[in-house]
Structures are given as C-alpha cells and as structure tokens.
C-alpha cells in the first residue's frame, strides 16, 4: 500500500458516517509514505497538520471536484505539499515521538 499511496496523484480519506472528525491511521500512512492526502475539512488533522501546506481539504462538492480535476491534470506544486506532509509525519508523529509524549506525561 505504501507504494500505491506514494504513486497516486492524490489519496482521498473519505470519512466514516459515524466518525467524521477523527484523524485516521490511513491519513498518517498516506502522508508518511510521501503520498498526497485530501480529506474533508474539519477533521482532527486540521489540529495536527497545516491544511493546504501538508495536505488538501474540501468542504463542498465543487471543491472535491476541483481536487479531482486538478489531480488528473498533474497540478504543479502538489509534490511539495506531499513532501511537506511526509516530513511533518516523520518529524512530529512517528511512533518514537508518540512514545516520548506518553513517557513525558507519565513523568508528570
């Protein structure tokens, strides 16, 4: 899957009906592999990463359609967004980072 995420023009994280706001593991997998992620606006990802800098978002059907059209046209600059997302995942959301945060909380 890592290779598929990295090679896709864009990867969509479609929310579950009953859990629309969660940051899914798939989102981290996509960004960590260097793939470009697009998801609905208003998820927990908005708090963990920078929309339009680390990943793409949509709020309306026309915005979603625009992402699809731009992806199929090979939108310039989206490689930079995917690279920035990958760097952010690796730098701030690796398992080592998460473990260290848990240990720091325990110490307190």
PDB file of N, CA and C in Angstrom:
ATOM      1  N   UNK A   1       0.819  -1.191   0.000  1.00  0.00           N
ATOM      2  CA  UNK A   1       0.000   0.000   0.000  1.00  0.00           C
ATOM      3  C   UNK A   1       0.865   1.258   0.000  1.00  0.00           C
ATOM      4  N   UNK A   2       1.994   1.192   0.680  1.00  0.00           N
ATOM      5  CA  UNK A   2       2.871   2.364   0.742  1.00  0.00           C
ATOM      6  C   UNK A   2       3.238   2.847  -0.646  1.00  0.00           C
ATOM      7  N   UNK A   3       3.586   1.930  -1.521  1.00  0.00           N
ATOM      8  CA  UNK A   3       3.951   2.281  -2.880  1.00  0.00           C
ATOM      9  C   UNK A   3       2.762   2.879  -3.633  1.00  0.00           C
ATOM     10  N   UNK A   4       1.593   2.303  -3.444  1.00  0.00           N
ATOM     11  CA  UNK A   4       0.382   2.818  -4.106  1.00  0.00           C
ATOM     12  C   UNK A   4       0.060   4.226  -3.621  1.00  0.00           C
ATOM     13  N   UNK A   5       0.169   4.467  -2.319  1.00  0.00           N
ATOM     14  CA  UNK A   5      -0.080   5.804  -1.780  1.00  0.00           C
ATOM     15  C   UNK A   5       0.902   6.816  -2.374  1.00  0.00           C
ATOM     16  N   UNK A   6       2.166   6.436  -2.425  1.00  0.00           N
ATOM     17  CA  UNK A   6       3.204   7.346  -2.906  1.00  0.00           C
ATOM     18  C   UNK A   6       3.049   7.670  -4.390  1.00  0.00           C
ATOM     19  N   UNK A   7       2.578   6.713  -5.182  1.00  0.00           N
ATOM     20  CA  UNK A   7       2.485   6.909  -6.628  1.00  0.00           C
ATOM     21  C   UNK A   7       1.179   7.538  -7.097  1.00  0.00           C
ATOM     22  N   UNK A   8       0.150   7.522  -6.268  1.00  0.00           N
ATOM     23  CA  UNK A   8      -1.153   8.068  -6.672  1.00  0.00           C
ATOM     24  C   UNK A   8      -1.070   9.588  -6.813  1.00  0.00           C
ATOM     25  N   UNK A   9      -1.828  10.125  -7.743  1.00  0.00           N
ATOM     26  CA  UNK A   9      -1.872  11.583  -7.916  1.00  0.00           C
ATOM     27  C   UNK A   9      -2.417  12.249  -6.661  1.00  0.00           C
ATOM     28  N   UNK A  10      -3.397  11.637  -6.039  1.00  0.00           N
ATOM     29  CA  UNK A  10      -3.963  12.109  -4.780  1.00  0.00           C
ATOM     30  C   UNK A  10      -4.671  10.928  -4.118  1.00  0.00           C
ATOM     31  N   UNK A  11      -4.613  10.895  -2.781  1.00  0.00           N
ATOM     32  CA  UNK A  11      -5.267   9.849  -1.990  1.00  0.00           C
ATOM     33  C   UNK A  11      -6.368  10.507  -1.165  1.00  0.00           C
ATOM     34  N   UNK A  12      -7.576   9.985  -1.278  1.00  0.00           N
ATOM     35  CA  UNK A  12      -8.707  10.551  -0.546  1.00  0.00           C
ATOM     36  C   UNK A  12      -8.981   9.761   0.719  1.00  0.00           C
ATOM     37  N   UNK A  13      -9.114  10.475   1.813  1.00  0.00           N
ATOM     38  CA  UNK A  13      -9.517   9.867   3.077  1.00  0.00           C
ATOM     39  C   UNK A  13     -10.976  10.250   3.273  1.00  0.00           C
ATOM     40  N   UNK A  14     -11.861   9.358   2.873  1.00  0.00           N
ATOM     41  CA  UNK A  14     -13.294   9.610   2.958  1.00  0.00           C
ATOM     42  C   UNK A  14     -13.751   9.266   4.374  1.00  0.00           C
ATOM     43  N   UNK A  15     -14.410  10.209   5.057  1.00  0.00           N
ATOM     44  CA  UNK A  15     -14.788   9.959   6.454  1.00  0.00           C
ATOM     45  C   UNK A  15     -15.890   8.919   6.595  1.00  0.00           C
ATOM     46  N   UNK A  16     -15.856   8.266   7.723  1.00  0.00           N
ATOM     47  CA  UNK A  16     -16.935   7.345   8.076  1.00  0.00           C
ATOM     48  C   UNK A  16     -18.126   8.184   8.531  1.00  0.00           C
ATOM     49  N   UNK A  17     -19.307   7.693   8.269  1.00  0.00           N
ATOM     50  CA  UNK A  17     -20.512   8.431   8.637  1.00  0.00           C
ATOM     51  C   UNK A  17     -20.557   8.744  10.139  1.00  0.00           C
ATOM     52  N   UNK A  18     -20.149   7.793  10.956  1.00  0.00           N
ATOM     53  CA  UNK A  18     -20.261   7.946  12.410  1.00  0.00           C
ATOM     54  C   UNK A  18     -18.978   8.489  13.060  1.00  0.00           C
ATOM     55  N   UNK A  19     -17.921   8.706  12.295  1.00  0.00           N
ATOM     56  CA  UNK A  19     -16.661   9.223  12.856  1.00  0.00           C
ATOM     57  C   UNK A  19     -16.041  10.217  11.878  1.00  0.00           C
ATOM     58  N   UNK A  20     -16.740  11.258  11.570  1.00  0.00           N
ATOM     59  CA  UNK A  20     -16.309  12.197  10.533  1.00  0.00           C
ATOM     60  C   UNK A  20     -15.076  12.994  10.936  1.00  0.00           C
ATOM     61  N   UNK A  21     -14.880  13.218  12.216  1.00  0.00           N
ATOM     62  CA  UNK A  21     -13.842  14.149  12.643  1.00  0.00           C
ATOM     63  C   UNK A  21     -12.492  13.513  12.989  1.00  0.00           C
ATOM     64  N   UNK A  22     -12.405  12.195  13.020  1.00  0.00           N
ATOM     65  CA  UNK A  22     -11.173  11.562  13.501  1.00  0.00           C
ATOM     66  C   UNK A  22     -10.051  11.645  12.466  1.00  0.00           C
ATOM     67  N   UNK A  23      -8.841  11.675  12.967  1.00  0.00           N
ATOM     68  CA  UNK A  23      -7.648  11.550  12.122  1.00  0.00           C
ATOM     69  C   UNK A  23      -7.389  10.054  11.986  1.00  0.00           C
ATOM     70  N   UNK A  24      -7.540   9.535  10.792  1.00  0.00           N
ATOM     71  CA  UNK A  24      -7.411   8.095  10.588  1.00  0.00           C
ATOM     72  C   UNK A  24      -5.952   7.684  10.440  1.00  0.00           C
ATOM     73  N   UNK A  25      -5.693   6.424  10.739  1.00  0.00           N
ATOM     74  CA  UNK A  25      -4.351   5.888  10.526  1.00  0.00           C
ATOM     75  C   UNK A  25      -3.996   5.912   9.044  1.00  0.00           C
ATOM     76  N   UNK A  26      -4.998   5.737   8.198  1.00  0.00           N
ATOM     77  CA  UNK A  26      -4.749   5.796   6.759  1.00  0.00           C
ATOM     78  C   UNK A  26      -4.163   7.151   6.370  1.00  0.00           C
ATOM     79  N   UNK A  27      -4.647   8.227   6.971  1.00  0.00           N
ATOM     80  CA  UNK A  27      -4.113   9.557   6.666  1.00  0.00           C
ATOM     81  C   UNK A  27      -2.624   9.622   7.000  1.00  0.00           C
ATOM     82  N   UNK A  28      -2.250   9.090   8.143  1.00  0.00           N
ATOM     83  CA  UNK A  28      -0.836   9.074   8.535  1.00  0.00           C
ATOM     84  C   UNK A  28      -0.027   8.173   7.593  1.00  0.00           C
ATOM     85  N   UNK A  29      -0.605   7.043   7.205  1.00  0.00           N
ATOM     86  CA  UNK A  29       0.072   6.138   6.267  1.00  0.00           C
ATOM     87  C   UNK A  29       0.317   6.823   4.926  1.00  0.00           C
ATOM     88  N   UNK A  30      -0.697   7.499   4.417  1.00  0.00           N
ATOM     89  CA  UNK A  30      -0.566   8.188   3.129  1.00  0.00           C
ATOM     90  C   UNK A  30       0.519   9.253   3.212  1.00  0.00           C
ATOM     91  N   UNK A  31       0.420  10.129   4.191  1.00  0.00           N
ATOM     92  CA  UNK A  31       1.384  11.224   4.292  1.00  0.00           C
ATOM     93  C   UNK A  31       2.773  10.703   4.621  1.00  0.00           C
ATOM     94  N   UNK A  32       2.866   9.721   5.487  1.00  0.00           N
ATOM     95  CA  UNK A  32       4.166   9.161   5.845  1.00  0.00           C
ATOM     96  C   UNK A  32       4.863   8.479   4.683  1.00  0.00           C
ATOM     97  N   UNK A  33       4.094   7.991   3.718  1.00  0.00           N
ATOM     98  CA  UNK A  33       4.682   7.333   2.555  1.00  0.00           C
ATOM     99  C   UNK A  33       5.072   8.324   1.463  1.00  0.00           C
ATOM    100  N   UNK A  34       4.732   9.590   1.660  1.00  0.00           N
ATOM    101  CA  UNK A  34       5.033  10.610   0.658  1.00  0.00           C
ATOM    102  C   UNK A  34       3.908  10.844  -0.316  1.00  0.00           C
ATOM    103  N   UNK A  35       2.757  10.254  -0.046  1.00  0.00           N
ATOM    104  CA  UNK A  35       1.596  10.467  -0.905  1.00  0.00           C
ATOM    105  C   UNK A  35       0.873  11.748  -0.542  1.00  0.00           C
ATOM    106  N   UNK A  36       0.141  12.280  -1.502  1.00  0.00           N
ATOM    107  CA  UNK A  36      -0.658  13.481  -1.273  1.00  0.00           C
ATOM    108  C   UNK A  36      -2.017  13.074  -0.730  1.00  0.00           C
ATOM    109  N   UNK A  37      -2.388  13.641   0.407  1.00  0.00           N
ATOM    110  CA  UNK A  37      -3.650  13.329   1.064  1.00  0.00           C
ATOM    111  C   UNK A  37      -4.651  14.454   0.821  1.00  0.00           C
ATOM    112  N   UNK A  38      -5.899  14.076   0.584  1.00  0.00           N
ATOM    113  CA  UNK A  38      -7.019  15.017   0.541  1.00  0.00           C
ATOM    114  C   UNK A  38      -8.115  14.462   1.431  1.00  0.00           C
ATOM    115  N   UNK A  39      -8.657  15.300   2.294  1.00  0.00           N
ATOM    116  CA  UNK A  39      -9.732  14.871   3.183  1.00  0.00           C
ATOM    117  C   UNK A  39     -10.702  16.019   3.413  1.00  0.00           C
ATOM    118  N   UNK A  40     -11.824  15.688   3.970  1.00  0.00           N
ATOM    119  CA  UNK A  40     -12.844  16.682   4.266  1.00  0.00           C
ATOM    120  C   UNK A  40     -12.317  17.658   5.324  1.00  0.00           C
ATOM    121  N   UNK A  41     -12.657  18.917   5.180  1.00  0.00           N
ATOM    122  CA  UNK A  41     -12.278  19.935   6.158  1.00  0.00           C
ATOM    123  C   UNK A  41     -12.945  19.639   7.501  1.00  0.00           C
ATOM    124  N   UNK A  42     -12.259  19.954   8.577  1.00  0.00           N
ATOM    125  CA  UNK A  42     -12.851  19.845   9.904  1.00  0.00           C
ATOM    126  C   UNK A  42     -12.513  18.579  10.658  1.00  0.00           C
ATOM    127  N   UNK A  43     -11.497  17.856  10.235  1.00  0.00           N
ATOM    128  CA  UNK A  43     -11.099  16.663  10.975  1.00  0.00           C
ATOM    129  C   UNK A  43      -9.998  17.029  11.970  1.00  0.00           C
ATOM    130  N   UNK A  44      -9.621  16.069  12.785  1.00  0.00           N
ATOM    131  CA  UNK A  44      -8.527  16.277  13.732  1.00  0.00           C
ATOM    132  C   UNK A  44      -7.204  16.582  13.031  1.00  0.00           C
ATOM    133  N   UNK A  45      -7.106  16.230  11.757  1.00  0.00           N
ATOM    134  CA  UNK A  45      -5.879  16.538  11.014  1.00  0.00           C
ATOM    135  C   UNK A  45      -5.624  18.036  10.956  1.00  0.00           C
ATOM    136  N   UNK A  46      -6.701  18.826  10.961  1.00  0.00           N
ATOM    137  CA  UNK A  46      -6.552  20.286  10.951  1.00  0.00           C
ATOM    138  C   UNK A  46      -5.807  20.792  12.180  1.00  0.00           C
ATOM    139  N   UNK A  47      -5.847  20.028  13.265  1.00  0.00           N
ATOM    140  CA  UNK A  47      -5.159  20.405  14.501  1.00  0.00           C
ATOM    141  C   UNK A  47      -3.733  19.868  14.559  1.00  0.00           C
ATOM    142  N   UNK A  48      -3.444  18.842  13.775  1.00  0.00           N
ATOM    143  CA  UNK A  48      -2.140  18.184  13.816  1.00  0.00           C
ATOM    144  C   UNK A  48      -1.202  18.619  12.692  1.00  0.00           C
ATOM    145  N   UNK A  49      -1.789  19.077  11.595  1.00  0.00           N
ATOM    146  CA  UNK A  49      -1.026  19.482  10.413  1.00  0.00           C
ATOM    147  C   UNK A  49      -1.614  20.779   9.875  1.00  0.00           C
ATOM    148  N   UNK A  50      -0.963  21.329   8.874  1.00  0.00           N
ATOM    149  CA  UNK A  50      -1.441  22.564   8.268  1.00  0.00           C
ATOM    150  C   UNK A  50      -2.144  22.269   6.946  1.00  0.00           C
ATOM    151  N   UNK A  51      -3.469  22.490   6.905  1.00  0.00           N
ATOM    152  CA  UNK A  51      -4.185  22.290   5.651  1.00  0.00           C
ATOM    153  C   UNK A  51      -3.592  23.168   4.543  1.00  0.00           C
ATOM    154  N   UNK A  52      -3.557  22.636   3.352  1.00  0.00           N
ATOM    155  CA  UNK A  52      -3.022  23.275   2.148  1.00  0.00           C
ATOM    156  C   UNK A  52      -1.504  23.417   2.163  1.00  0.00           C
ATOM    157  N   UNK A  53      -0.883  23.073   3.267  1.00  0.00           N
ATOM    158  CA  UNK A  53       0.581  23.021   3.319  1.00  0.00           C
ATOM    159  C   UNK A  53       1.077  21.583   3.433  1.00  0.00           C
ATOM    160  N   UNK A  54       0.367  20.775   4.252  1.00  0.00           N
ATOM    161  CA  UNK A  54       0.729  19.372   4.449  1.00  0.00           C
ATOM    162  C   UNK A  54      -0.245  18.415   3.774  1.00  0.00           C
ATOM    163  N   UNK A  55      -1.453  18.867   3.489  1.00  0.00           N
ATOM    164  CA  UNK A  55      -2.485  18.044   2.855  1.00  0.00           C
ATOM    165  C   UNK A  55      -3.567  18.963   2.286  1.00  0.00           C
ATOM    166  N   UNK A  56      -4.417  18.399   1.452  1.00  0.00           N
ATOM    167  CA  UNK A  56      -5.509  19.147   0.834  1.00  0.00           C
ATOM    168  C   UNK A  56      -6.811  18.871   1.570  1.00  0.00           C
ATOM    169  N   UNK A  57      -7.720  19.835   1.525  1.00  0.00           N
ATOM    170  CA  UNK A  57      -9.037  19.633   2.126  1.00  0.00           C
ATOM    171  C   UNK A  57     -10.118  20.124   1.183  1.00  0.00           C
ATOM    172  N   UNK A  58     -11.330  19.627   1.417  1.00  0.00           N
ATOM    173  CA  UNK A  58     -12.500  20.136   0.699  1.00  0.00           C
ATOM    174  C   UNK A  58     -13.654  20.280   1.670  1.00  0.00           C
ATOM    175  N   UNK A  59     -14.516  21.245   1.398  1.00  0.00           N
ATOM    176  CA  UNK A  59     -15.715  21.459   2.201  1.00  0.00           C
ATOM    177  C   UNK A  59     -16.986  21.251   1.389  1.00  0.00           C
ATOM    178  N   UNK A  60     -16.873  21.449   0.092  1.00  0.00           N
ATOM    179  CA  UNK A  60     -18.048  21.352  -0.769  1.00  0.00           C
ATOM    180  C   UNK A  60     -17.784  20.363  -1.900  1.00  0.00           C
ATOM    181  N   UNK A  61     -18.853  19.973  -2.552  1.00  0.00           N
ATOM    182  CA  UNK A  61     -18.728  19.049  -3.674  1.00  0.00           C
ATOM    183  C   UNK A  61     -17.921  19.694  -4.805  1.00  0.00           C
ATOM    184  N   UNK A  62     -18.058  20.983  -5.004  1.00  0.00           N
ATOM    185  CA  UNK A  62     -17.298  21.635  -6.077  1.00  0.00           C
ATOM    186  C   UNK A  62     -15.797  21.678  -5.743  1.00  0.00           C
ATOM    187  N   UNK A  63     -15.451  21.828  -4.468  1.00  0.00           N
ATOM    188  CA  UNK A  63     -14.040  21.782  -4.077  1.00  0.00           C
ATOM    189  C   UNK A  63     -13.469  20.376  -4.271  1.00  0.00           C
ATOM    190  N   UNK A  64     -14.266  19.376  -3.950  1.00  0.00           N
ATOM    191  CA  UNK A  64     -13.841  17.990  -4.164  1.00  0.00           C
ATOM    192  C   UNK A  64     -13.638  17.735  -5.656  1.00  0.00           C
ATOM    193  N   UNK A  65     -14.573  18.179  -6.454  1.00  0.00           N
ATOM    194  CA  UNK A  65     -14.460  18.019  -7.909  1.00  0.00           C
ATOM    195  C   UNK A  65     -13.210  18.724  -8.431  1.00  0.00           C
ATOM    196  N   UNK A  66     -12.911  19.893  -7.903  1.00  0.00           N
ATOM    197  CA  UNK A  66     -11.726  20.637  -8.316  1.00  0.00           C
ATOM    198  C   UNK A  66     -10.443  19.856  -8.008  1.00  0.00           C
ATOM    199  N   UNK A  67     -10.392  19.235  -6.842  1.00  0.00           N
ATOM    200  CA  UNK A  67      -9.216  18.429  -6.493  1.00  0.00           C
ATOM    201  C   UNK A  67      -9.065  17.281  -7.487  1.00  0.00           C
ATOM    202  N   UNK A  68     -10.165  16.629  -7.807  1.00  0.00           N
ATOM    203  CA  UNK A  68     -10.112  15.522  -8.772  1.00  0.00           C
ATOM    204  C   UNK A  68      -9.617  16.001 -10.138  1.00  0.00           C
ATOM    205  N   UNK A  69     -10.152  17.107 -10.608  1.00  0.00           N
ATOM    206  CA  UNK A  69      -9.760  17.635 -11.919  1.00  0.00           C
ATOM    207  C   UNK A  69      -8.303  18.072 -11.929  1.00  0.00           C
ATOM    208  N   UNK A  70      -7.880  18.743 -10.876  1.00  0.00           N
ATOM    209  CA  UNK A  70      -6.502  19.222 -10.803  1.00  0.00           C
ATOM    210  C   UNK A  70      -5.521  18.059 -10.665  1.00  0.00           C
ATOM    211  N   UNK A  71      -5.913  17.020  -9.944  1.00  0.00           N
ATOM    212  CA  UNK A  71      -5.048  15.843  -9.804  1.00  0.00           C
ATOM    213  C   UNK A  71      -4.866  15.159 -11.150  1.00  0.00           C
ATOM    214  N   UNK A  72      -5.941  15.028 -11.914  1.00  0.00           N
ATOM    215  CA  UNK A  72      -5.832  14.366 -13.211  1.00  0.00           C
ATOM    216  C   UNK A  72      -5.030  15.195 -14.206  1.00  0.00           C
ATOM    217  N   UNK A  73      -4.935  16.504 -13.967  1.00  0.00           N
ATOM    218  CA  UNK A  73      -4.153  17.376 -14.840  1.00  0.00           C
ATOM    219  C   UNK A  73      -2.699  17.499 -14.378  1.00  0.00           C
ATOM    220  N   UNK A  74      -2.360  16.860 -13.259  1.00  0.00           N
ATOM    221  CA  UNK A  74      -0.990  16.926 -12.747  1.00  0.00           C
ATOM    222  C   UNK A  74      -0.651  18.287 -12.161  1.00  0.00           C
ATOM    223  N   UNK A  75      -1.444  18.725 -11.219  1.00  0.00           N
ATOM    224  CA  UNK A  75      -1.301  20.043 -10.608  1.00  0.00           C
ATOM    225  C   UNK A  75       0.134  20.304 -10.138  1.00  0.00           C
ATOM    226  N   UNK A  76       0.771  21.354 -10.660  1.00  0.00           N
ATOM    227  CA  UNK A  76       2.124  21.677 -10.190  1.00  0.00           C
ATOM    228  C   UNK A  76       2.081  22.162  -8.738  1.00  0.00           C
ATOM    229  N   UNK A  77       3.077  21.819  -7.996  1.00  0.00           N
ATOM    230  CA  UNK A  77       3.154  22.251  -6.597  1.00  0.00           C
ATOM    231  C   UNK A  77       2.619  21.242  -5.605  1.00  0.00           C
ATOM    232  N   UNK A  78       1.844  20.295  -6.088  1.00  0.00           N
ATOM    233  CA  UNK A  78       1.294  19.318  -5.158  1.00  0.00           C
ATOM    234  C   UNK A  78       2.349  18.344  -4.667  1.00  0.00           C
ATOM    235  N   UNK A  79       3.410  18.155  -5.418  1.00  0.00           N
ATOM    236  CA  UNK A  79       4.517  17.320  -4.936  1.00  0.00           C
ATOM    237  C   UNK A  79       5.132  17.942  -3.681  1.00  0.00           C
ATOM    238  N   UNK A  80       5.201  19.264  -3.652  1.00  0.00           N
ATOM    239  CA  UNK A  80       5.757  19.962  -2.488  1.00  0.00           C
ATOM    240  C   UNK A  80       4.855  19.785  -1.265  1.00  0.00           C
ATOM    241  N   UNK A  81       3.545  19.777  -1.474  1.00  0.00           N
ATOM    242  CA  UNK A  81       2.615  19.555  -0.360  1.00  0.00           C
ATOM    243  C   UNK A  81       2.790  18.135   0.175  1.00  0.00           C
ATOM    244  N   UNK A  82       2.894  17.166  -0.718  1.00  0.00           N
ATOM    245  CA  UNK A  82       3.094  15.771  -0.292  1.00  0.00           C
ATOM    246  C   UNK A  82       4.405  15.628   0.478  1.00  0.00           C
ATOM    247  N   UNK A  83       5.470  16.271  -0.004  1.00  0.00           N
ATOM    248  CA  UNK A  83       6.773  16.194   0.678  1.00  0.00           C
ATOM    249  C   UNK A  83       6.709  16.856   2.053  1.00  0.00           C
ATOM    250  N   UNK A  84       6.016  17.980   2.145  1.00  0.00           N
ATOM    251  CA  UNK A  84       5.880  18.665   3.446  1.00  0.00           C
ATOM    252  C   UNK A  84       5.063  17.819   4.415  1.00  0.00           C
ATOM    253  N   UNK A  85       4.031  17.152   3.918  1.00  0.00           N
ATOM    254  CA  UNK A  85       3.240  16.258   4.768  1.00  0.00           C
ATOM    255  C   UNK A  85       4.057  15.090   5.275  1.00  0.00           C
ATOM    256  N   UNK A  86       4.870  14.528   4.383  1.00  0.00           N
ATOM    257  CA  UNK A  86       5.730  13.411   4.778  1.00  0.00           C
ATOM    258  C   UNK A  86       6.714  13.852   5.856  1.00  0.00           C
ATOM    259  N   UNK A  87       7.326  14.980   5.673  1.00  0.00           N
ATOM    260  CA  UNK A  87       8.279  15.494   6.659  1.00  0.00           C
ATOM    261  C   UNK A  87       7.598  15.741   8.009  1.00  0.00           C
ATOM    262  N   UNK A  88       6.395  16.306   7.988  1.00  0.00           N
ATOM    263  CA  UNK A  88       5.674  16.578   9.240  1.00  0.00           C
ATOM    264  C   UNK A  88       5.323  15.293   9.971  1.00  0.00           C
ATOM    265  N   UNK A  89       4.899  14.265   9.244  1.00  0.00           N
ATOM    266  CA  UNK A  89       4.576  12.980   9.882  1.00  0.00           C
ATOM    267  C   UNK A  89       5.833  12.385  10.495  1.00  0.00           C
ATOM    268  N   UNK A  90       6.888  12.347   9.731  1.00  0.00           N
ATOM    269  CA  UNK A  90       8.127  11.740  10.230  1.00  0.00           C
ATOM    270  C   UNK A  90       8.736  12.519  11.382  1.00  0.00           C
ATOM    271  N   UNK A  91       8.590  13.814  11.349  1.00  0.00           N
ATOM    272  CA  UNK A  91       9.223  14.653  12.372  1.00  0.00           C
ATOM    273  C   UNK A  91       8.434  14.712  13.674  1.00  0.00           C
ATOM    274  N   UNK A  92       7.107  14.760  13.571  1.00  0.00           N
ATOM    275  CA  UNK A  92       6.293  15.016  14.762  1.00  0.00           C
ATOM    276  C   UNK A  92       5.319  13.909  15.140  1.00  0.00           C
ATOM    277  N   UNK A  93       5.142  12.910  14.280  1.00  0.00           N
ATOM    278  CA  UNK A  93       4.115  11.906  14.552  1.00  0.00           C
ATOM    279  C   UNK A  93       4.596  10.476  14.368  1.00  0.00           C
ATOM    280  N   UNK A  94       5.888  10.263  14.511  1.00  0.00           N
ATOM    281  CA  UNK A  94       6.410   8.903  14.435  1.00  0.00           C
ATOM    282  C   UNK A  94       6.054   8.163  15.727  1.00  0.00           C
ATOM    283  N   UNK A  95       6.208   6.861  15.704  1.00  0.00           N
ATOM    284  CA  UNK A  95       5.959   6.089  16.927  1.00  0.00           C
ATOM    285  C   UNK A  95       6.916   6.503  18.036  1.00  0.00           C
ATOM    286  N   UNK A  96       8.154   6.845  17.681  1.00  0.00           N
ATOM    287  CA  UNK A  96       9.103   7.334  18.689  1.00  0.00           C
ATOM    288  C   UNK A  96       8.600   8.618  19.340  1.00  0.00           C
ATOM    289  N   UNK A  97       8.080   9.535  18.522  1.00  0.00           N
ATOM    290  CA  UNK A  97       7.533  10.787  19.058  1.00  0.00           C
ATOM    291  C   UNK A  97       6.354  10.523  19.985  1.00  0.00           C
ATOM    292  N   UNK A  98       5.478   9.641  19.569  1.00  0.00           N
ATOM    293  CA  UNK A  98       4.305   9.324  20.385  1.00  0.00           C
ATOM    294  C   UNK A  98       4.714   8.674  21.698  1.00  0.00           C
ATOM    295  N   UNK A  99       5.662   7.751  21.629  1.00  0.00           N
ATOM    296  CA  UNK A  99       6.144   7.091  22.846  1.00  0.00           C
ATOM    297  C   UNK A  99       6.751   8.106  23.795  1.00  0.00           C
ATOM    298  N   UNK A 100       7.548   9.020  23.273  1.00  0.00           N
ATOM    299  CA  UNK A 100       8.174  10.029  24.123  1.00  0.00           C
ATOM    300  C   UNK A 100       7.120  10.921  24.787  1.00  0.00           C
ATOM    301  N   UNK A 101       6.068  11.288  24.067  1.00  0.00           N
ATOM    302  CA  UNK A 101       4.991  12.098  24.666  1.00  0.00           C
ATOM    303  C   UNK A 101       4.305  11.349  25.796  1.00  0.00           C
ATOM    304  N   UNK A 102       4.071  10.055  25.598  1.00  0.00           N
ATOM    305  CA  UNK A 102       3.445   9.248  26.649  1.00  0.00           C
ATOM    306  C   UNK A 102       4.352   9.181  27.871  1.00  0.00           C
ATOM    307  N   UNK A 103       5.639   8.942  27.652  1.00  0.00           N
ATOM    308  CA  UNK A 103       6.580   8.875  28.776  1.00  0.00           C
ATOM    309  C   UNK A 103       6.659  10.204  29.498  1.00  0.00           C
ATOM    310  N   UNK A 104       6.651  11.299  28.779  1.00  0.00           N
ATOM    311  CA  UNK A 104       6.675  12.624  29.408  1.00  0.00           C
ATOM    312  C   UNK A 104       5.431  12.856  30.254  1.00  0.00           C
ATOM    313  N   UNK A 105       4.284  12.396  29.773  1.00  0.00           N
ATOM    314  CA  UNK A 105       3.046  12.554  30.536  1.00  0.00           C
ATOM    315  C   UNK A 105       3.086  11.725  31.809  1.00  0.00           C
ATOM    316  N   UNK A 106       3.655  10.533  31.723  1.00  0.00           N
ATOM    317  CA  UNK A 106       3.752   9.674  32.891  1.00  0.00           C
ATOM    318  C   UNK A 106       4.654  10.288  33.954  1.00  0.00           C
ATOM    319  N   UNK A 107       5.753  10.892  33.519  1.00  0.00           N
ATOM    320  CA  UNK A 107       6.681  11.535  34.447  1.00  0.00           C
ATOM    321  C   UNK A 107       6.024  12.665  35.229  1.00  0.00           C
ATOM    322  N   UNK A 108       5.122  13.367  34.577  1.00  0.00           N
ATOM    323  CA  UNK A 108       4.436  14.489  35.235  1.00  0.00           C
ATOM    324  C   UNK A 108       3.491  13.964  36.273  1.00  0.00           C
TER     325      UNK A 108
END
